[in-house]
């Protein structure tokens, strides 16, 4: 059995630098060379472009729901402190609680019947 080569297509357009590639500061770029990879890259005078703030603005907290023991992940906006997303949702946790409660009632009734009560 032989396995052939696999070729992957680039995820980022080839005429643009990938967002995770570090760029050399303008002071380190040799005169006459461009700052970009593509044909549309400017040469000569450098322009001051504000880099976007790439620091994450969310944090993830993990807790366990006391009644069910299910892990709960909350994605919280650091700036405002507001909840962005919770997995599982509060509705799903309520559903799990109801099912567990009904299951306990059902199993306690069937356990009582098997012991002759």
PDB file of N, CA and C in Angstrom:
ATOM      1  N   UNK A   1       0.848  -1.175   0.000  1.00  0.00           N
ATOM      2  CA  UNK A   1       0.000   0.000   0.000  1.00  0.00           C
ATOM      3  C   UNK A   1       0.893   1.238   0.000  1.00  0.00           C
ATOM      4  N   UNK A   2       0.568   2.204  -0.829  1.00  0.00           N
ATOM      5  CA  UNK A   2       1.354   3.437  -0.848  1.00  0.00           C
ATOM      6  C   UNK A   2       0.419   4.629  -0.712  1.00  0.00           C
ATOM      7  N   UNK A   3       0.966   5.652  -0.119  1.00  0.00           N
ATOM      8  CA  UNK A   3       0.194   6.876   0.076  1.00  0.00           C
ATOM      9  C   UNK A   3       0.881   7.976  -0.717  1.00  0.00           C
ATOM     10  N   UNK A   4       0.127   8.630  -1.572  1.00  0.00           N
ATOM     11  CA  UNK A   4       0.676   9.697  -2.395  1.00  0.00           C
ATOM     12  C   UNK A   4       0.786  11.003  -1.628  1.00  0.00           C
ATOM     13  N   UNK A   5       1.429  11.968  -2.235  1.00  0.00           N
ATOM     14  CA  UNK A   5       1.576  13.273  -1.620  1.00  0.00           C
ATOM     15  C   UNK A   5       0.246  13.996  -1.614  1.00  0.00           C
ATOM     16  N   UNK A   6       0.058  14.799  -0.589  1.00  0.00           N
ATOM     17  CA  UNK A   6      -1.134  15.622  -0.480  1.00  0.00           C
ATOM     18  C   UNK A   6      -0.706  17.065  -0.623  1.00  0.00           C
ATOM     19  N   UNK A   7      -1.399  17.801  -1.471  1.00  0.00           N
ATOM     20  CA  UNK A   7      -1.071  19.210  -1.648  1.00  0.00           C
ATOM     21  C   UNK A   7      -2.208  20.035  -1.065  1.00  0.00           C
ATOM     22  N   UNK A   8      -1.841  20.989  -0.229  1.00  0.00           N
ATOM     23  CA  UNK A   8      -2.825  21.849   0.402  1.00  0.00           C
ATOM     24  C   UNK A   8      -2.848  23.198  -0.296  1.00  0.00           C
ATOM     25  N   UNK A   9      -4.040  23.745  -0.474  1.00  0.00           N
ATOM     26  CA  UNK A   9      -4.168  25.093  -1.020  1.00  0.00           C
ATOM     27  C   UNK A   9      -3.934  26.079   0.107  1.00  0.00           C
ATOM     28  N   UNK A  10      -3.331  27.226  -0.189  1.00  0.00           N
ATOM     29  CA  UNK A  10      -3.107  28.211   0.869  1.00  0.00           C
ATOM     30  C   UNK A  10      -4.436  28.738   1.386  1.00  0.00           C
ATOM     31  N   UNK A  11      -4.477  29.015   2.664  1.00  0.00           N
ATOM     32  CA  UNK A  11      -5.689  29.526   3.288  1.00  0.00           C
ATOM     33  C   UNK A  11      -5.801  31.027   3.062  1.00  0.00           C
ATOM     34  N   UNK A  12      -4.680  31.699   2.952  1.00  0.00           N
ATOM     35  CA  UNK A  12      -4.644  33.144   2.767  1.00  0.00           C
ATOM     36  C   UNK A  12      -4.298  33.437   1.312  1.00  0.00           C
ATOM     37  N   UNK A  13      -4.844  34.474   0.715  1.00  0.00           N
ATOM     38  CA  UNK A  13      -4.490  34.783  -0.678  1.00  0.00           C
ATOM     39  C   UNK A  13      -2.978  34.910  -0.837  1.00  0.00           C
ATOM     40  N   UNK A  14      -2.459  34.348  -1.908  1.00  0.00           N
ATOM     41  CA  UNK A  14      -1.006  34.317  -2.092  1.00  0.00           C
ATOM     42  C   UNK A  14      -0.408  35.678  -2.420  1.00  0.00           C
ATOM     43  N   UNK A  15      -1.220  36.638  -2.864  1.00  0.00           N
ATOM     44  CA  UNK A  15      -0.665  37.952  -3.176  1.00  0.00           C
ATOM     45  C   UNK A  15      -0.648  38.883  -1.963  1.00  0.00           C
ATOM     46  N   UNK A  16      -1.045  38.370  -0.788  1.00  0.00           N
ATOM     47  CA  UNK A  16      -1.032  39.159   0.442  1.00  0.00           C
ATOM     48  C   UNK A  16      -0.286  38.384   1.510  1.00  0.00           C
ATOM     49  N   UNK A  17       0.396  39.082   2.404  1.00  0.00           N
ATOM     50  CA  UNK A  17       1.057  38.360   3.495  1.00  0.00           C
ATOM     51  C   UNK A  17       0.009  37.805   4.446  1.00  0.00           C
ATOM     52  N   UNK A  18       0.274  36.646   4.998  1.00  0.00           N
ATOM     53  CA  UNK A  18      -0.633  36.065   5.979  1.00  0.00           C
ATOM     54  C   UNK A  18      -0.679  36.973   7.201  1.00  0.00           C
ATOM     55  N   UNK A  19      -1.822  37.045   7.894  1.00  0.00           N
ATOM     56  CA  UNK A  19      -1.956  37.987   9.002  1.00  0.00           C
ATOM     57  C   UNK A  19      -1.027  37.682  10.166  1.00  0.00           C
ATOM     58  N   UNK A  20      -0.537  36.475  10.268  1.00  0.00           N
ATOM     59  CA  UNK A  20       0.303  36.106  11.395  1.00  0.00           C
ATOM     60  C   UNK A  20       1.789  36.278  11.108  1.00  0.00           C
ATOM     61  N   UNK A  21       2.154  36.689   9.881  1.00  0.00           N
ATOM     62  CA  UNK A  21       3.560  36.880   9.547  1.00  0.00           C
ATOM     63  C   UNK A  21       4.017  38.241  10.053  1.00  0.00           C
ATOM     64  N   UNK A  22       5.140  38.262  10.708  1.00  0.00           N
ATOM     65  CA  UNK A  22       5.676  39.519  11.214  1.00  0.00           C
ATOM     66  C   UNK A  22       6.252  40.327  10.067  1.00  0.00           C
ATOM     67  N   UNK A  23       6.027  41.618  10.097  1.00  0.00           N
ATOM     68  CA  UNK A  23       6.576  42.496   9.081  1.00  0.00           C
ATOM     69  C   UNK A  23       7.756  43.246   9.675  1.00  0.00           C
ATOM     70  N   UNK A  24       8.749  43.500   8.860  1.00  0.00           N
ATOM     71  CA  UNK A  24       9.916  44.244   9.320  1.00  0.00           C
ATOM     72  C   UNK A  24       9.545  45.713   9.452  1.00  0.00           C
ATOM     73  N   UNK A  25      10.009  46.375  10.512  1.00  0.00           N
ATOM     74  CA  UNK A  25       9.763  47.819  10.630  1.00  0.00           C
ATOM     75  C   UNK A  25      10.363  48.542   9.437  1.00  0.00           C
ATOM     76  N   UNK A  26       9.787  49.689   9.099  1.00  0.00           N
ATOM     77  CA  UNK A  26      10.229  50.450   7.930  1.00  0.00           C
ATOM     78  C   UNK A  26      11.701  50.806   8.020  1.00  0.00           C
ATOM     79  N   UNK A  27      12.209  50.968   9.248  1.00  0.00           N
ATOM     80  CA  UNK A  27      13.619  51.340   9.408  1.00  0.00           C
ATOM     81  C   UNK A  27      14.551  50.196   9.006  1.00  0.00           C
ATOM     82  N   UNK A  28      14.040  48.948   8.970  1.00  0.00           N
ATOM     83  CA  UNK A  28      14.872  47.801   8.640  1.00  0.00           C
ATOM     84  C   UNK A  28      14.718  47.357   7.190  1.00  0.00           C
ATOM     85  N   UNK A  29      13.826  48.011   6.446  1.00  0.00           N
ATOM     86  CA  UNK A  29      13.607  47.638   5.057  1.00  0.00           C
ATOM     87  C   UNK A  29      14.638  48.366   4.204  1.00  0.00           C
ATOM     88  N   UNK A  30      15.399  47.643   3.378  1.00  0.00           N
ATOM     89  CA  UNK A  30      16.405  48.296   2.536  1.00  0.00           C
ATOM     90  C   UNK A  30      15.763  49.298   1.588  1.00  0.00           C
ATOM     91  N   UNK A  31      16.456  50.394   1.263  1.00  0.00           N
ATOM     92  CA  UNK A  31      15.902  51.388   0.342  1.00  0.00           C
ATOM     93  C   UNK A  31      15.583  50.751  -1.008  1.00  0.00           C
ATOM     94  N   UNK A  32      14.465  51.162  -1.571  1.00  0.00           N
ATOM     95  CA  UNK A  32      14.077  50.664  -2.885  1.00  0.00           C
ATOM     96  C   UNK A  32      13.293  49.369  -2.843  1.00  0.00           C
ATOM     97  N   UNK A  33      13.174  48.741  -1.666  1.00  0.00           N
ATOM     98  CA  UNK A  33      12.384  47.509  -1.605  1.00  0.00           C
ATOM     99  C   UNK A  33      11.011  47.834  -1.046  1.00  0.00           C
ATOM    100  N   UNK A  34      10.081  46.910  -1.241  1.00  0.00           N
ATOM    101  CA  UNK A  34       8.709  47.163  -0.818  1.00  0.00           C
ATOM    102  C   UNK A  34       8.433  46.501   0.518  1.00  0.00           C
ATOM    103  N   UNK A  35       7.372  46.983   1.190  1.00  0.00           N
ATOM    104  CA  UNK A  35       6.973  46.417   2.477  1.00  0.00           C
ATOM    105  C   UNK A  35       6.026  45.243   2.314  1.00  0.00           C
ATOM    106  N   UNK A  36       5.428  45.057   1.155  1.00  0.00           N
ATOM    107  CA  UNK A  36       4.460  43.987   0.966  1.00  0.00           C
ATOM    108  C   UNK A  36       4.995  42.913   0.055  1.00  0.00           C
ATOM    109  N   UNK A  37       4.163  41.865  -0.168  1.00  0.00           N
ATOM    110  CA  UNK A  37       4.564  40.760  -1.027  1.00  0.00           C
ATOM    111  C   UNK A  37       4.002  40.880  -2.434  1.00  0.00           C
ATOM    112  N   UNK A  38       2.895  41.592  -2.593  1.00  0.00           N
ATOM    113  CA  UNK A  38       2.197  41.590  -3.864  1.00  0.00           C
ATOM    114  C   UNK A  38       2.686  42.656  -4.813  1.00  0.00           C
ATOM    115  N   UNK A  39       2.217  42.603  -6.054  1.00  0.00           N
ATOM    116  CA  UNK A  39       2.645  43.572  -7.061  1.00  0.00           C
ATOM    117  C   UNK A  39       2.143  44.977  -6.753  1.00  0.00           C
ATOM    118  N   UNK A  40       1.061  45.083  -5.953  1.00  0.00           N
ATOM    119  CA  UNK A  40       0.523  46.389  -5.661  1.00  0.00           C
ATOM    120  C   UNK A  40       1.220  47.059  -4.475  1.00  0.00           C
ATOM    121  N   UNK A  41       2.262  46.449  -3.945  1.00  0.00           N
ATOM    122  CA  UNK A  41       2.976  47.012  -2.797  1.00  0.00           C
ATOM    123  C   UNK A  41       3.644  48.319  -3.205  1.00  0.00           C
ATOM    124  N   UNK A  42       3.529  49.295  -2.303  1.00  0.00           N
ATOM    125  CA  UNK A  42       4.107  50.601  -2.596  1.00  0.00           C
ATOM    126  C   UNK A  42       5.592  50.603  -2.276  1.00  0.00           C
ATOM    127  N   UNK A  43       6.304  51.397  -3.003  1.00  0.00           N
ATOM    128  CA  UNK A  43       7.721  51.586  -2.721  1.00  0.00           C
ATOM    129  C   UNK A  43       7.951  53.055  -2.439  1.00  0.00           C
ATOM    130  N   UNK A  44       9.089  53.381  -1.889  1.00  0.00           N
ATOM    131  CA  UNK A  44       9.416  54.776  -1.636  1.00  0.00           C
ATOM    132  C   UNK A  44       8.993  55.189  -0.246  1.00  0.00           C
ATOM    133  N   UNK A  45       8.284  56.313  -0.142  1.00  0.00           N
ATOM    134  CA  UNK A  45       7.906  56.873   1.155  1.00  0.00           C
ATOM    135  C   UNK A  45       6.989  55.911   1.903  1.00  0.00           C
ATOM    136  N   UNK A  46       7.267  55.748   3.172  1.00  0.00           N
ATOM    137  CA  UNK A  46       6.431  54.871   3.989  1.00  0.00           C
ATOM    138  C   UNK A  46       5.339  55.682   4.640  1.00  0.00           C
ATOM    139  N   UNK A  47       4.182  55.091   4.721  1.00  0.00           N
ATOM    140  CA  UNK A  47       3.049  55.748   5.353  1.00  0.00           C
ATOM    141  C   UNK A  47       2.828  55.129   6.718  1.00  0.00           C
ATOM    142  N   UNK A  48       2.411  55.946   7.654  1.00  0.00           N
ATOM    143  CA  UNK A  48       2.120  55.449   8.991  1.00  0.00           C
ATOM    144  C   UNK A  48       0.696  54.919   9.002  1.00  0.00           C
ATOM    145  N   UNK A  49       0.567  53.610   9.161  1.00  0.00           N
ATOM    146  CA  UNK A  49      -0.740  52.982   9.193  1.00  0.00           C
ATOM    147  C   UNK A  49      -0.938  52.401  10.584  1.00  0.00           C
ATOM    148  N   UNK A  50      -2.043  52.729  11.201  1.00  0.00           N
ATOM    149  CA  UNK A  50      -2.325  52.217  12.541  1.00  0.00           C
ATOM    150  C   UNK A  50      -2.633  50.731  12.456  1.00  0.00           C
ATOM    151  N   UNK A  51      -1.896  49.929  13.201  1.00  0.00           N
ATOM    152  CA  UNK A  51      -2.150  48.492  13.253  1.00  0.00           C
ATOM    153  C   UNK A  51      -3.393  48.257  14.109  1.00  0.00           C
ATOM    154  N   UNK A  52      -4.280  47.372  13.689  1.00  0.00           N
ATOM    155  CA  UNK A  52      -5.456  47.092  14.505  1.00  0.00           C
ATOM    156  C   UNK A  52      -5.043  46.410  15.807  1.00  0.00           C
ATOM    157  N   UNK A  53      -5.803  46.672  16.839  1.00  0.00           N
ATOM    158  CA  UNK A  53      -5.533  46.048  18.137  1.00  0.00           C
ATOM    159  C   UNK A  53      -5.949  44.590  18.039  1.00  0.00           C
ATOM    160  N   UNK A  54      -4.966  43.689  18.009  1.00  0.00           N
ATOM    161  CA  UNK A  54      -5.246  42.269  17.834  1.00  0.00           C
ATOM    162  C   UNK A  54      -5.366  41.526  19.155  1.00  0.00           C
ATOM    163  N   UNK A  55      -5.290  42.243  20.270  1.00  0.00           N
ATOM    164  CA  UNK A  55      -5.424  41.592  21.569  1.00  0.00           C
ATOM    165  C   UNK A  55      -6.865  41.122  21.730  1.00  0.00           C
ATOM    166  N   UNK A  56      -7.059  39.909  22.248  1.00  0.00           N
ATOM    167  CA  UNK A  56      -8.420  39.407  22.416  1.00  0.00           C
ATOM    168  C   UNK A  56      -9.186  40.255  23.420  1.00  0.00           C
ATOM    169  N   UNK A  57     -10.456  40.457  23.137  1.00  0.00           N
ATOM    170  CA  UNK A  57     -11.299  41.236  24.040  1.00  0.00           C
ATOM    171  C   UNK A  57     -12.249  40.341  24.824  1.00  0.00           C
ATOM    172  N   UNK A  58     -12.139  39.038  24.635  1.00  0.00           N
ATOM    173  CA  UNK A  58     -12.997  38.111  25.358  1.00  0.00           C
ATOM    174  C   UNK A  58     -12.154  37.227  26.259  1.00  0.00           C
ATOM    175  N   UNK A  59     -12.781  36.736  27.307  1.00  0.00           N
ATOM    176  CA  UNK A  59     -12.144  35.722  28.134  1.00  0.00           C
ATOM    177  C   UNK A  59     -13.154  34.605  28.352  1.00  0.00           C
ATOM    178  N   UNK A  60     -12.656  33.420  28.615  1.00  0.00           N
ATOM    179  CA  UNK A  60     -13.508  32.255  28.792  1.00  0.00           C
ATOM    180  C   UNK A  60     -13.409  31.800  30.234  1.00  0.00           C
ATOM    181  N   UNK A  61     -14.556  31.605  30.847  1.00  0.00           N
ATOM    182  CA  UNK A  61     -14.606  31.064  32.200  1.00  0.00           C
ATOM    183  C   UNK A  61     -15.300  29.719  32.147  1.00  0.00           C
ATOM    184  N   UNK A  62     -14.775  28.760  32.890  1.00  0.00           N
ATOM    185  CA  UNK A  62     -15.385  27.434  32.950  1.00  0.00           C
ATOM    186  C   UNK A  62     -15.805  27.166  34.377  1.00  0.00           C
ATOM    187  N   UNK A  63     -17.055  26.763  34.545  1.00  0.00           N
ATOM    188  CA  UNK A  63     -17.599  26.418  35.863  1.00  0.00           C
ATOM    189  C   UNK A  63     -18.419  25.152  35.709  1.00  0.00           C
ATOM    190  N   UNK A  64     -18.789  24.581  36.813  1.00  0.00           N
ATOM    191  CA  UNK A  64     -19.707  23.436  36.787  1.00  0.00           C
ATOM    192  C   UNK A  64     -21.045  23.884  37.344  1.00  0.00           C
ATOM    193  N   UNK A  65     -22.117  23.463  36.685  1.00  0.00           N
ATOM    194  CA  UNK A  65     -23.460  23.750  37.166  1.00  0.00           C
ATOM    195  C   UNK A  65     -23.706  22.850  38.373  1.00  0.00           C
ATOM    196  N   UNK A  66     -23.921  23.416  39.570  1.00  0.00           N
ATOM    197  CA  UNK A  66     -24.034  22.585  40.782  1.00  0.00           C
ATOM    198  C   UNK A  66     -25.101  21.478  40.717  1.00  0.00           C
ATOM    199  N   UNK A  67     -26.333  21.752  40.273  1.00  0.00           N
ATOM    200  CA  UNK A  67     -27.323  20.662  40.281  1.00  0.00           C
ATOM    201  C   UNK A  67     -27.026  19.526  39.307  1.00  0.00           C
ATOM    202  N   UNK A  68     -26.457  19.861  38.147  1.00  0.00           N
ATOM    203  CA  UNK A  68     -26.267  18.827  37.124  1.00  0.00           C
ATOM    204  C   UNK A  68     -24.836  18.318  37.034  1.00  0.00           C
ATOM    205  N   UNK A  69     -23.866  19.145  37.450  1.00  0.00           N
ATOM    206  CA  UNK A  69     -22.464  18.774  37.314  1.00  0.00           C
ATOM    207  C   UNK A  69     -21.927  19.005  35.912  1.00  0.00           C
ATOM    208  N   UNK A  70     -22.747  19.589  35.035  1.00  0.00           N
ATOM    209  CA  UNK A  70     -22.337  19.852  33.654  1.00  0.00           C
ATOM    210  C   UNK A  70     -21.335  21.000  33.599  1.00  0.00           C
ATOM    211  N   UNK A  71     -20.308  20.887  32.736  1.00  0.00           N
ATOM    212  CA  UNK A  71     -19.402  22.033  32.565  1.00  0.00           C
ATOM    213  C   UNK A  71     -20.118  23.147  31.808  1.00  0.00           C
ATOM    214  N   UNK A  72     -19.898  24.387  32.251  1.00  0.00           N
ATOM    215  CA  UNK A  72     -20.512  25.551  31.625  1.00  0.00           C
ATOM    216  C   UNK A  72     -19.391  26.505  31.232  1.00  0.00           C
ATOM    217  N   UNK A  73     -19.347  26.860  29.955  1.00  0.00           N
ATOM    218  CA  UNK A  73     -18.339  27.780  29.432  1.00  0.00           C
ATOM    219  C   UNK A  73     -19.008  29.117  29.153  1.00  0.00           C
ATOM    220  N   UNK A  74     -18.445  30.178  29.729  1.00  0.00           N
ATOM    221  CA  UNK A  74     -18.978  31.520  29.510  1.00  0.00           C
ATOM    222  C   UNK A  74     -17.913  32.368  28.826  1.00  0.00           C
ATOM    223  N   UNK A  75     -18.308  32.992  27.716  1.00  0.00           N
ATOM    224  CA  UNK A  75     -17.436  33.905  26.978  1.00  0.00           C
ATOM    225  C   UNK A  75     -17.852  35.320  27.374  1.00  0.00           C
ATOM    226  N   UNK A  76     -16.924  36.049  28.003  1.00  0.00           N
ATOM    227  CA  UNK A  76     -17.240  37.340  28.592  1.00  0.00           C
ATOM    228  C   UNK A  76     -16.400  38.428  27.924  1.00  0.00           C
ATOM    229  N   UNK A  77     -17.033  39.555  27.607  1.00  0.00           N
ATOM    230  CA  UNK A  77     -16.337  40.713  27.044  1.00  0.00           C
ATOM    231  C   UNK A  77     -15.567  41.387  28.167  1.00  0.00           C
ATOM    232  N   UNK A  78     -14.246  41.484  28.009  1.00  0.00           N
ATOM    233  CA  UNK A  78     -13.400  42.081  29.049  1.00  0.00           C
ATOM    234  C   UNK A  78     -13.710  43.549  29.271  1.00  0.00           C
ATOM    235  N   UNK A  79     -14.018  44.241  28.202  1.00  0.00           N
ATOM    236  CA  UNK A  79     -14.227  45.689  28.318  1.00  0.00           C
ATOM    237  C   UNK A  79     -15.486  46.021  29.097  1.00  0.00           C
ATOM    238  N   UNK A  80     -16.593  45.394  28.760  1.00  0.00           N
ATOM    239  CA  UNK A  80     -17.867  45.731  29.395  1.00  0.00           C
ATOM    240  C   UNK A  80     -18.247  44.777  30.523  1.00  0.00           C
ATOM    241  N   UNK A  81     -17.636  43.583  30.546  1.00  0.00           N
ATOM    242  CA  UNK A  81     -18.001  42.595  31.560  1.00  0.00           C
ATOM    243  C   UNK A  81     -19.276  41.836  31.230  1.00  0.00           C
ATOM    244  N   UNK A  82     -19.834  42.077  30.042  1.00  0.00           N
ATOM    245  CA  UNK A  82     -21.093  41.426  29.676  1.00  0.00           C
ATOM    246  C   UNK A  82     -20.846  40.026  29.113  1.00  0.00           C
ATOM    247  N   UNK A  83     -21.835  39.184  29.292  1.00  0.00           N
ATOM    248  CA  UNK A  83     -21.789  37.809  28.797  1.00  0.00           C
ATOM    249  C   UNK A  83     -22.061  37.817  27.295  1.00  0.00           C
ATOM    250  N   UNK A  84     -21.143  37.240  26.517  1.00  0.00           N
ATOM    251  CA  UNK A  84     -21.304  37.167  25.063  1.00  0.00           C
ATOM    252  C   UNK A  84     -22.029  35.878  24.691  1.00  0.00           C
ATOM    253  N   UNK A  85     -21.558  34.761  25.251  1.00  0.00           N
ATOM    254  CA  UNK A  85     -22.096  33.454  24.902  1.00  0.00           C
ATOM    255  C   UNK A  85     -21.884  32.507  26.056  1.00  0.00           C
ATOM    256  N   UNK A  86     -22.851  31.636  26.290  1.00  0.00           N
ATOM    257  CA  UNK A  86     -22.718  30.594  27.309  1.00  0.00           C
ATOM    258  C   UNK A  86     -23.058  29.267  26.670  1.00  0.00           C
ATOM    259  N   UNK A  87     -22.197  28.272  26.919  1.00  0.00           N
ATOM    260  CA  UNK A  87     -22.404  26.927  26.369  1.00  0.00           C
ATOM    261  C   UNK A  87     -22.329  25.934  27.513  1.00  0.00           C
ATOM    262  N   UNK A  88     -23.336  25.137  27.762  1.00  0.00           N
ATOM    263  CA  UNK A  88     -24.673  25.164  27.189  1.00  0.00           C
ATOM    264  C   UNK A  88     -25.459  26.372  27.696  1.00  0.00           C
ATOM    265  N   UNK A  89     -26.488  26.733  26.959  1.00  0.00           N
ATOM    266  CA  UNK A  89     -27.305  27.889  27.312  1.00  0.00           C
ATOM    267  C   UNK A  89     -28.086  27.602  28.595  1.00  0.00           C
ATOM    268  N   UNK A  90     -28.619  28.655  29.191  1.00  0.00           N
ATOM    269  CA  UNK A  90     -29.415  28.503  30.418  1.00  0.00           C
ATOM    270  C   UNK A  90     -30.652  27.639  30.145  1.00  0.00           C
ATOM    271  N   UNK A  91     -31.241  27.777  28.956  1.00  0.00           N
ATOM    272  CA  UNK A  91     -32.398  26.948  28.595  1.00  0.00           C
ATOM    273  C   UNK A  91     -32.019  25.472  28.559  1.00  0.00           C
ATOM    274  N   UNK A  92     -30.840  25.166  28.014  1.00  0.00           N
ATOM    275  CA  UNK A  92     -30.397  23.772  27.952  1.00  0.00           C
ATOM    276  C   UNK A  92     -30.118  23.239  29.352  1.00  0.00           C
ATOM    277  N   UNK A  93     -29.521  24.053  30.213  1.00  0.00           N
ATOM    278  CA  UNK A  93     -29.279  23.621  31.595  1.00  0.00           C
ATOM    279  C   UNK A  93     -30.596  23.338  32.314  1.00  0.00           C
ATOM    280  N   UNK A  94     -31.610  24.198  32.093  1.00  0.00           N
ATOM    281  CA  UNK A  94     -32.929  23.954  32.694  1.00  0.00           C
ATOM    282  C   UNK A  94     -33.524  22.646  32.189  1.00  0.00           C
ATOM    283  N   UNK A  95     -33.362  22.364  30.905  1.00  0.00           N
ATOM    284  CA  UNK A  95     -33.859  21.117  30.320  1.00  0.00           C
ATOM    285  C   UNK A  95     -33.155  19.906  30.956  1.00  0.00           C
ATOM    286  N   UNK A  96     -31.826  19.992  31.101  1.00  0.00           N
ATOM    287  CA  UNK A  96     -31.060  18.895  31.708  1.00  0.00           C
ATOM    288  C   UNK A  96     -31.521  18.665  33.141  1.00  0.00           C
ATOM    289  N   UNK A  97     -31.745  19.747  33.878  1.00  0.00           N
ATOM    290  CA  UNK A  97     -32.219  19.624  35.269  1.00  0.00           C
ATOM    291  C   UNK A  97     -33.576  18.921  35.326  1.00  0.00           C
ATOM    292  N   UNK A  98     -34.475  19.322  34.429  1.00  0.00           N
ATOM    293  CA  UNK A  98     -35.808  18.696  34.410  1.00  0.00           C
ATOM    294  C   UNK A  98     -35.718  17.209  34.076  1.00  0.00           C
ATOM    295  N   UNK A  99     -34.919  16.873  33.097  1.00  0.00           N
ATOM    296  CA  UNK A  99     -34.781  15.462  32.706  1.00  0.00           C
ATOM    297  C   UNK A  99     -34.181  14.658  33.851  1.00  0.00           C
ATOM    298  N   UNK A 100     -33.153  15.199  34.515  1.00  0.00           N
ATOM    299  CA  UNK A 100     -32.545  14.492  35.644  1.00  0.00           C
ATOM    300  C   UNK A 100     -33.549  14.306  36.778  1.00  0.00           C
ATOM    301  N   UNK A 101     -34.352  15.339  37.025  1.00  0.00           N
ATOM    302  CA  UNK A 101     -35.352  15.245  38.093  1.00  0.00           C
ATOM    303  C   UNK A 101     -36.410  14.191  37.750  1.00  0.00           C
ATOM    304  N   UNK A 102     -36.879  14.184  36.524  1.00  0.00           N
ATOM    305  CA  UNK A 102     -37.872  13.177  36.112  1.00  0.00           C
ATOM    306  C   UNK A 102     -37.265  11.781  36.138  1.00  0.00           C
ATOM    307  N   UNK A 103     -36.004  11.644  35.760  1.00  0.00           N
ATOM    308  CA  UNK A 103     -35.331  10.351  35.783  1.00  0.00           C
ATOM    309  C   UNK A 103     -35.222   9.827  37.216  1.00  0.00           C
ATOM    310  N   UNK A 104     -34.872  10.717  38.148  1.00  0.00           N
ATOM    311  CA  UNK A 104     -34.772  10.313  39.558  1.00  0.00           C
ATOM    312  C   UNK A 104     -36.128   9.873  40.087  1.00  0.00           C
ATOM    313  N   UNK A 105     -37.197  10.589  39.728  1.00  0.00           N
ATOM    314  CA  UNK A 105     -38.540  10.197  40.174  1.00  0.00           C
ATOM    315  C   UNK A 105     -38.933   8.847  39.583  1.00  0.00           C
ATOM    316  N   UNK A 106     -38.626   8.652  38.324  1.00  0.00           N
ATOM    317  CA  UNK A 106     -38.960   7.402  37.651  1.00  0.00           C
ATOM    318  C   UNK A 106     -38.194   6.226  38.255  1.00  0.00           C
ATOM    319  N   UNK A 107     -36.906   6.407  38.500  1.00  0.00           N
ATOM    320  CA  UNK A 107     -36.107   5.312  39.055  1.00  0.00           C
ATOM    321  C   UNK A 107     -36.462   5.042  40.517  1.00  0.00           C
ATOM    322  N   UNK A 108     -36.864   6.072  41.260  1.00  0.00           N
ATOM    323  CA  UNK A 108     -37.253   5.824  42.656  1.00  0.00           C
ATOM    324  C   UNK A 108     -38.584   5.075  42.721  1.00  0.00           C
ATOM    325  N   UNK A 109     -39.504   5.333  41.774  1.00  0.00           N
ATOM    326  CA  UNK A 109     -40.787   4.595  41.734  1.00  0.00           C
ATOM    327  C   UNK A 109     -40.541   3.143  41.345  1.00  0.00           C
ATOM    328  N   UNK A 110     -39.674   2.911  40.345  1.00  0.00           N
ATOM    329  CA  UNK A 110     -39.426   1.538  39.907  1.00  0.00           C
ATOM    330  C   UNK A 110     -38.633   0.782  40.970  1.00  0.00           C
ATOM    331  N   UNK A 111     -37.789   1.455  41.748  1.00  0.00           N
ATOM    332  CA  UNK A 111     -37.062   0.793  42.826  1.00  0.00           C
ATOM    333  C   UNK A 111     -38.024   0.400  43.928  1.00  0.00           C
ATOM    334  N   UNK A 112     -39.036   1.224  44.185  1.00  0.00           N
ATOM    335  CA  UNK A 112     -40.052   0.906  45.203  1.00  0.00           C
ATOM    336  C   UNK A 112     -40.912  -0.290  44.817  1.00  0.00           C
ATOM    337  N   UNK A 113     -41.216  -0.435  43.512  1.00  0.00           N
ATOM    338  CA  UNK A 113     -42.015  -1.549  43.036  1.00  0.00           C
ATOM    339  C   UNK A 113     -41.239  -2.851  43.133  1.00  0.00           C
ATOM    340  N   UNK A 114     -39.925  -2.809  42.885  1.00  0.00           N
ATOM    341  CA  UNK A 114     -39.130  -4.030  42.890  1.00  0.00           C
ATOM    342  C   UNK A 114     -38.880  -4.523  44.313  1.00  0.00           C
ATOM    343  N   UNK A 115     -38.988  -3.647  45.321  1.00  0.00           N
ATOM    344  CA  UNK A 115     -38.802  -4.075  46.706  1.00  0.00           C
ATOM    345  C   UNK A 115     -40.128  -4.429  47.350  1.00  0.00           C
ATOM    346  N   UNK A 116     -41.253  -4.277  46.632  1.00  0.00           N
ATOM    347  CA  UNK A 116     -42.542  -4.698  47.127  1.00  0.00           C
ATOM    348  C   UNK A 116     -43.293  -3.620  47.879  1.00  0.00           C
ATOM    349  N   UNK A 117     -42.982  -2.380  47.723  1.00  0.00           N
ATOM    350  CA  UNK A 117     -43.704  -1.305  48.415  1.00  0.00           C
ATOM    351  C   UNK A 117     -44.981  -0.977  47.736  1.00  0.00           C
TER     352      UNK A 117
END
